[in-house]
Amino acid sequence: MNTKNLVLMALLVSVGAALYVIIPGFSGGMKPDFMLTMMFIGILLFPNVKSVFLLAVTTGVISGLFSTFPGGFVPNILDKFITAFVFLAFVLILKKIVQKLPVAIALCVGGTVLSGTVFLSSAIFVIGADIPFGILFTTVVLPAMLLNGVAFAFIYPIVLTLVRRSKFETAATQSA
């Protein structure tokens, strides 16, 4: 694994962590997870198992440490692993068209829904939350889906431009 790629992935995770920390929680401590947005960008740039594993570990642990949801550490790790590898599978299946912005946004939105579903399901199972799944899904996952999609639509083109200018070897620069 290239050191430049590791540095770029670390930067993406750190920006995601900063956004995650400054966004206030709502509805029982839940908050939109911008770590996901950055993880998705990292997976789109480096669609290989080693990179995805590293991104899943770091985003899962950092999201878990900063989680405002009671008992959110383990559900965050589970959700990031499952979401990262399902997202990777879709990126590999759609590799000819995944670099088009609308396709990438759709994957980000779908990944956010998957992530929220896995997180809520595992959180309800692990801590036995008394709030119904449907209410949490409607009040947290759907707004997070919208926010992550909009954030991705703004951030991803900027990251692509910077990556291309800096001559990184990523999936995005190889397809261009």
C-alpha atoms as a PDB file:
ATOM      1  CA  MET A   1       0.000   0.000   0.000  1.00  0.00           C
ATOM      2  CA  ASN A   2       1.369   3.386  -1.081  1.00  0.00           C
ATOM      3  CA  THR A   3       2.240   5.940   1.642  1.00  0.00           C
ATOM      4  CA  LYS A   4       0.617   8.742  -0.370  1.00  0.00           C
ATOM      5  CA  ASN A   5      -2.609   6.758  -0.477  1.00  0.00           C
ATOM      6  CA  LEU A   6      -2.475   6.150   3.277  1.00  0.00           C
ATOM      7  CA  VAL A   7      -1.990   9.868   3.881  1.00  0.00           C
ATOM      8  CA  LEU A   8      -4.951  10.729   1.649  1.00  0.00           C
ATOM      9  CA  MET A   9      -7.160   8.167   3.398  1.00  0.00           C
ATOM     10  CA  ALA A  10      -6.060   9.559   6.784  1.00  0.00           C
ATOM     11  CA  LEU A  11      -6.948  13.072   5.630  1.00  0.00           C
ATOM     12  CA  LEU A  12     -10.377  11.944   4.479  1.00  0.00           C
ATOM     13  CA  VAL A  13     -11.018  10.179   7.787  1.00  0.00           C
ATOM     14  CA  SER A  14      -9.808  13.191   9.784  1.00  0.00           C
ATOM     15  CA  VAL A  15     -12.059  15.599   7.868  1.00  0.00           C
ATOM     16  CA  GLY A  16     -14.942  13.193   8.425  1.00  0.00           C
ATOM     17  CA  ALA A  17     -14.119  13.024  12.134  1.00  0.00           C
ATOM     18  CA  ALA A  18     -14.004  16.804  12.416  1.00  0.00           C
ATOM     19  CA  LEU A  19     -17.395  17.129  10.735  1.00  0.00           C
ATOM     20  CA  TYR A  20     -18.761  14.297  12.882  1.00  0.00           C
ATOM     21  CA  VAL A  21     -17.667  16.023  16.093  1.00  0.00           C
ATOM     22  CA  ILE A  22     -19.004  19.491  15.272  1.00  0.00           C
ATOM     23  CA  ILE A  23     -22.433  18.372  14.031  1.00  0.00           C
ATOM     24  CA  PRO A  24     -24.837  18.317  17.008  1.00  0.00           C
ATOM     25  CA  GLY A  25     -26.802  15.178  17.877  1.00  0.00           C
ATOM     26  CA  PHE A  26     -30.588  14.960  17.791  1.00  0.00           C
ATOM     27  CA  SER A  27     -33.313  12.381  18.397  1.00  0.00           C
ATOM     28  CA  GLY A  28     -31.760  10.461  21.279  1.00  0.00           C
ATOM     29  CA  GLY A  29     -28.184  11.478  20.546  1.00  0.00           C
ATOM     30  CA  MET A  30     -28.137  10.333  16.920  1.00  0.00           C
ATOM     31  CA  LYS A  31     -26.441  12.502  14.309  1.00  0.00           C
ATOM     32  CA  PRO A  32     -25.702  12.437  10.591  1.00  0.00           C
ATOM     33  CA  ASP A  33     -22.487  10.526  10.044  1.00  0.00           C
ATOM     34  CA  PHE A  34     -20.199  12.477   7.754  1.00  0.00           C
ATOM     35  CA  MET A  35     -17.544   9.853   8.451  1.00  0.00           C
ATOM     36  CA  LEU A  36     -19.582   7.742   6.024  1.00  0.00           C
ATOM     37  CA  THR A  37     -19.310  10.372   3.316  1.00  0.00           C
ATOM     38  CA  MET A  38     -15.542  10.411   3.640  1.00  0.00           C
ATOM     39  CA  MET A  39     -15.367   6.619   3.850  1.00  0.00           C
ATOM     40  CA  PHE A  40     -17.377   6.391   0.619  1.00  0.00           C
ATOM     41  CA  ILE A  41     -15.030   8.855  -1.097  1.00  0.00           C
ATOM     42  CA  GLY A  42     -12.060   6.801   0.103  1.00  0.00           C
ATOM     43  CA  ILE A  43     -13.596   3.611  -1.254  1.00  0.00           C
ATOM     44  CA  LEU A  44     -14.326   5.254  -4.604  1.00  0.00           C
ATOM     45  CA  LEU A  45     -10.712   6.426  -4.808  1.00  0.00           C
ATOM     46  CA  PHE A  46      -9.153   3.177  -3.566  1.00  0.00           C
ATOM     47  CA  PRO A  47     -11.516   0.284  -4.378  1.00  0.00           C
ATOM     48  CA  ASN A  48      -9.461  -2.601  -2.998  1.00  0.00           C
ATOM     49  CA  VAL A  49      -9.932  -4.864   0.003  1.00  0.00           C
ATOM     50  CA  LYS A  50      -6.910  -3.604   1.986  1.00  0.00           C
ATOM     51  CA  SER A  51      -7.921   0.046   1.692  1.00  0.00           C
ATOM     52  CA  VAL A  52     -11.575  -0.686   2.434  1.00  0.00           C
ATOM     53  CA  PHE A  53     -10.625  -2.733   5.490  1.00  0.00           C
ATOM     54  CA  LEU A  54      -8.447   0.116   6.770  1.00  0.00           C
ATOM     55  CA  LEU A  55     -11.156   2.704   6.109  1.00  0.00           C
ATOM     56  CA  ALA A  56     -13.801   0.533   7.798  1.00  0.00           C
ATOM     57  CA  VAL A  57     -11.660   0.011  10.908  1.00  0.00           C
ATOM     58  CA  THR A  58     -10.702   3.651  11.319  1.00  0.00           C
ATOM     59  CA  THR A  59     -14.120   5.129  10.599  1.00  0.00           C
ATOM     60  CA  GLY A  60     -15.850   2.518  12.759  1.00  0.00           C
ATOM     61  CA  VAL A  61     -13.606   3.063  15.770  1.00  0.00           C
ATOM     62  CA  ILE A  62     -13.579   6.858  15.489  1.00  0.00           C
ATOM     63  CA  SER A  63     -17.348   7.019  14.967  1.00  0.00           C
ATOM     64  CA  GLY A  64     -17.795   4.689  17.914  1.00  0.00           C
ATOM     65  CA  LEU A  65     -15.558   6.768  20.164  1.00  0.00           C
ATOM     66  CA  PHE A  66     -17.367   9.988  19.299  1.00  0.00           C
ATOM     67  CA  SER A  67     -20.860   8.490  19.203  1.00  0.00           C
ATOM     68  CA  THR A  68     -23.498  10.349  21.194  1.00  0.00           C
ATOM     69  CA  PHE A  69     -25.892   7.413  20.928  1.00  0.00           C
ATOM     70  CA  PRO A  70     -25.916   5.374  24.150  1.00  0.00           C
ATOM     71  CA  GLY A  71     -23.977   2.154  23.577  1.00  0.00           C
ATOM     72  CA  GLY A  72     -23.054   3.261  20.059  1.00  0.00           C
ATOM     73  CA  PHE A  73     -19.460   1.976  19.950  1.00  0.00           C
ATOM     74  CA  VAL A  74     -20.088  -1.629  18.854  1.00  0.00           C
ATOM     75  CA  PRO A  75     -22.964  -0.774  16.478  1.00  0.00           C
ATOM     76  CA  ASN A  76     -20.731   1.827  14.778  1.00  0.00           C
ATOM     77  CA  ILE A  77     -17.992  -0.707  14.146  1.00  0.00           C
ATOM     78  CA  LEU A  78     -20.438  -3.313  12.832  1.00  0.00           C
ATOM     79  CA  ASP A  79     -22.187  -0.827  10.620  1.00  0.00           C
ATOM     80  CA  LYS A  80     -18.986   0.543   9.080  1.00  0.00           C
ATOM     81  CA  PHE A  81     -17.622  -2.925   8.255  1.00  0.00           C
ATOM     82  CA  ILE A  82     -20.816  -4.161   6.657  1.00  0.00           C
ATOM     83  CA  THR A  83     -21.474  -0.900   4.824  1.00  0.00           C
ATOM     84  CA  ALA A  84     -17.884  -0.541   3.570  1.00  0.00           C
ATOM     85  CA  PHE A  85     -17.747  -3.989   1.998  1.00  0.00           C
ATOM     86  CA  VAL A  86     -21.256  -3.832   0.512  1.00  0.00           C
ATOM     87  CA  PHE A  87     -20.367  -0.403  -0.901  1.00  0.00           C
ATOM     88  CA  LEU A  88     -17.135  -1.853  -2.332  1.00  0.00           C
ATOM     89  CA  ALA A  89     -19.109  -4.656  -3.983  1.00  0.00           C
ATOM     90  CA  PHE A  90     -21.364  -2.116  -5.703  1.00  0.00           C
ATOM     91  CA  VAL A  91     -18.369   0.000  -6.737  1.00  0.00           C
ATOM     92  CA  LEU A  92     -16.745  -3.058  -8.324  1.00  0.00           C
ATOM     93  CA  ILE A  93     -19.979  -4.128 -10.023  1.00  0.00           C
ATOM     94  CA  LEU A  94     -20.528  -0.613 -11.412  1.00  0.00           C
ATOM     95  CA  LYS A  95     -16.857   0.181 -12.081  1.00  0.00           C
ATOM     96  CA  LYS A  96     -17.479   1.427 -15.625  1.00  0.00           C
ATOM     97  CA  ILE A  97     -19.973   4.101 -14.510  1.00  0.00           C
ATOM     98  CA  VAL A  98     -19.231   4.650 -10.821  1.00  0.00           C
ATOM     99  CA  GLN A  99     -17.070   7.740 -11.443  1.00  0.00           C
ATOM    100  CA  LYS A 100     -20.077   9.635 -12.826  1.00  0.00           C
ATOM    101  CA  LEU A 101     -21.330  11.983 -10.120  1.00  0.00           C
ATOM    102  CA  PRO A 102     -25.032  10.946 -10.183  1.00  0.00           C
ATOM    103  CA  VAL A 103     -24.085   7.266  -9.818  1.00  0.00           C
ATOM    104  CA  ALA A 104     -21.649   8.037  -6.998  1.00  0.00           C
ATOM    105  CA  ILE A 105     -24.291  10.157  -5.209  1.00  0.00           C
ATOM    106  CA  ALA A 106     -26.847   7.354  -5.545  1.00  0.00           C
ATOM    107  CA  LEU A 107     -24.330   4.901  -4.056  1.00  0.00           C
ATOM    108  CA  CYS A 108     -23.625   7.310  -1.195  1.00  0.00           C
ATOM    109  CA  VAL A 109     -27.333   7.706  -0.453  1.00  0.00           C
ATOM    110  CA  GLY A 110     -27.908   3.943  -0.624  1.00  0.00           C
ATOM    111  CA  GLY A 111     -24.843   3.322   1.551  1.00  0.00           C
ATOM    112  CA  THR A 112     -26.140   5.788   4.128  1.00  0.00           C
ATOM    113  CA  VAL A 113     -29.489   3.986   4.275  1.00  0.00           C
ATOM    114  CA  LEU A 114     -27.709   0.634   4.663  1.00  0.00           C
ATOM    115  CA  SER A 115     -25.421   2.058   7.337  1.00  0.00           C
ATOM    116  CA  GLY A 116     -28.312   3.550   9.289  1.00  0.00           C
ATOM    117  CA  THR A 117     -30.300   0.338   9.069  1.00  0.00           C
ATOM    118  CA  VAL A 118     -27.393  -1.803  10.265  1.00  0.00           C
ATOM    119  CA  PHE A 119     -26.522   0.685  13.018  1.00  0.00           C
ATOM    120  CA  LEU A 120     -30.080   0.931  14.359  1.00  0.00           C
ATOM    121  CA  SER A 121     -30.682  -2.814  14.128  1.00  0.00           C
ATOM    122  CA  SER A 122     -27.469  -3.645  15.972  1.00  0.00           C
ATOM    123  CA  ALA A 123     -27.986  -0.852  18.519  1.00  0.00           C
ATOM    124  CA  ILE A 124     -31.505  -2.038  19.298  1.00  0.00           C
ATOM    125  CA  PHE A 125     -30.199  -5.599  19.613  1.00  0.00           C
ATOM    126  CA  VAL A 126     -27.099  -4.711  21.685  1.00  0.00           C
ATOM    127  CA  ILE A 127     -28.589  -2.186  24.113  1.00  0.00           C
ATOM    128  CA  GLY A 128     -32.256  -3.018  23.791  1.00  0.00           C
ATOM    129  CA  ALA A 129     -33.351   0.517  22.874  1.00  0.00           C
ATOM    130  CA  ASP A 130     -36.981   1.162  23.668  1.00  0.00           C
ATOM    131  CA  ILE A 131     -37.527   3.570  20.757  1.00  0.00           C
ATOM    132  CA  PRO A 132     -39.120   1.807  17.773  1.00  0.00           C
ATOM    133  CA  PHE A 133     -36.924   1.244  14.718  1.00  0.00           C
ATOM    134  CA  GLY A 134     -39.337   3.069  12.397  1.00  0.00           C
ATOM    135  CA  ILE A 135     -39.251   6.268  14.409  1.00  0.00           C
ATOM    136  CA  LEU A 136     -35.450   6.298  14.576  1.00  0.00           C
ATOM    137  CA  PHE A 137     -35.186   5.453  10.880  1.00  0.00           C
ATOM    138  CA  THR A 138     -37.551   8.261   9.914  1.00  0.00           C
ATOM    139  CA  THR A 139     -36.119  10.895  12.225  1.00  0.00           C
ATOM    140  CA  VAL A 140     -32.417  10.099  11.864  1.00  0.00           C
ATOM    141  CA  VAL A 141     -31.556   7.896   8.878  1.00  0.00           C
ATOM    142  CA  LEU A 142     -33.670   9.689   6.276  1.00  0.00           C
ATOM    143  CA  PRO A 143     -32.354  13.168   7.192  1.00  0.00           C
ATOM    144  CA  ALA A 144     -28.808  11.737   7.332  1.00  0.00           C
ATOM    145  CA  MET A 145     -29.353  10.230   3.881  1.00  0.00           C
ATOM    146  CA  LEU A 146     -30.307  13.638   2.514  1.00  0.00           C
ATOM    147  CA  LEU A 147     -27.454  15.462   4.273  1.00  0.00           C
ATOM    148  CA  ASN A 148     -24.849  12.894   3.229  1.00  0.00           C
ATOM    149  CA  GLY A 149     -26.057  12.988  -0.380  1.00  0.00           C
ATOM    150  CA  VAL A 150     -25.835  16.784  -0.514  1.00  0.00           C
ATOM    151  CA  ALA A 151     -22.459  16.850   1.263  1.00  0.00           C
ATOM    152  CA  PHE A 152     -21.130  14.157  -1.074  1.00  0.00           C
ATOM    153  CA  ALA A 153     -22.336  16.093  -4.126  1.00  0.00           C
ATOM    154  CA  PHE A 154     -20.258  19.080  -3.004  1.00  0.00           C
ATOM    155  CA  ILE A 155     -17.215  17.349  -1.513  1.00  0.00           C
ATOM    156  CA  TYR A 156     -16.554  14.555  -4.028  1.00  0.00           C
ATOM    157  CA  PRO A 157     -15.908  16.799  -7.063  1.00  0.00           C
ATOM    158  CA  ILE A 158     -13.552  18.952  -4.968  1.00  0.00           C
ATOM    159  CA  VAL A 159     -11.627  15.888  -3.782  1.00  0.00           C
ATOM    160  CA  LEU A 160     -11.438  14.554  -7.359  1.00  0.00           C
ATOM    161  CA  THR A 161     -10.041  17.864  -8.605  1.00  0.00           C
ATOM    162  CA  LEU A 162      -7.433  17.956  -5.851  1.00  0.00           C
ATOM    163  CA  VAL A 163      -6.477  14.322  -6.392  1.00  0.00           C
ATOM    164  CA  ARG A 164      -6.057  14.828 -10.131  1.00  0.00           C
ATOM    165  CA  ARG A 165      -3.948  17.959  -9.642  1.00  0.00           C
ATOM    166  CA  SER A 166      -1.700  16.257  -7.115  1.00  0.00           C
ATOM    167  CA  LYS A 167      -1.135  13.284  -9.427  1.00  0.00           C
ATOM    168  CA  PHE A 168      -2.389  10.619  -7.019  1.00  0.00           C
ATOM    169  CA  GLU A 169      -2.910   7.201  -8.545  1.00  0.00           C
ATOM    170  CA  THR A 170      -6.512   6.392  -7.691  1.00  0.00           C
ATOM    171  CA  ALA A 171      -9.398   4.654  -9.404  1.00  0.00           C
ATOM    172  CA  ALA A 172     -10.757   8.095 -10.321  1.00  0.00           C
ATOM    173  CA  THR A 173      -7.548   9.297 -11.978  1.00  0.00           C
ATOM    174  CA  GLN A 174      -7.024   6.021 -13.829  1.00  0.00           C
ATOM    175  CA  SER A 175     -10.519   6.136 -15.349  1.00  0.00           C
ATOM    176  CA  ALA A 176     -10.200   9.773 -16.446  1.00  0.00           C
END
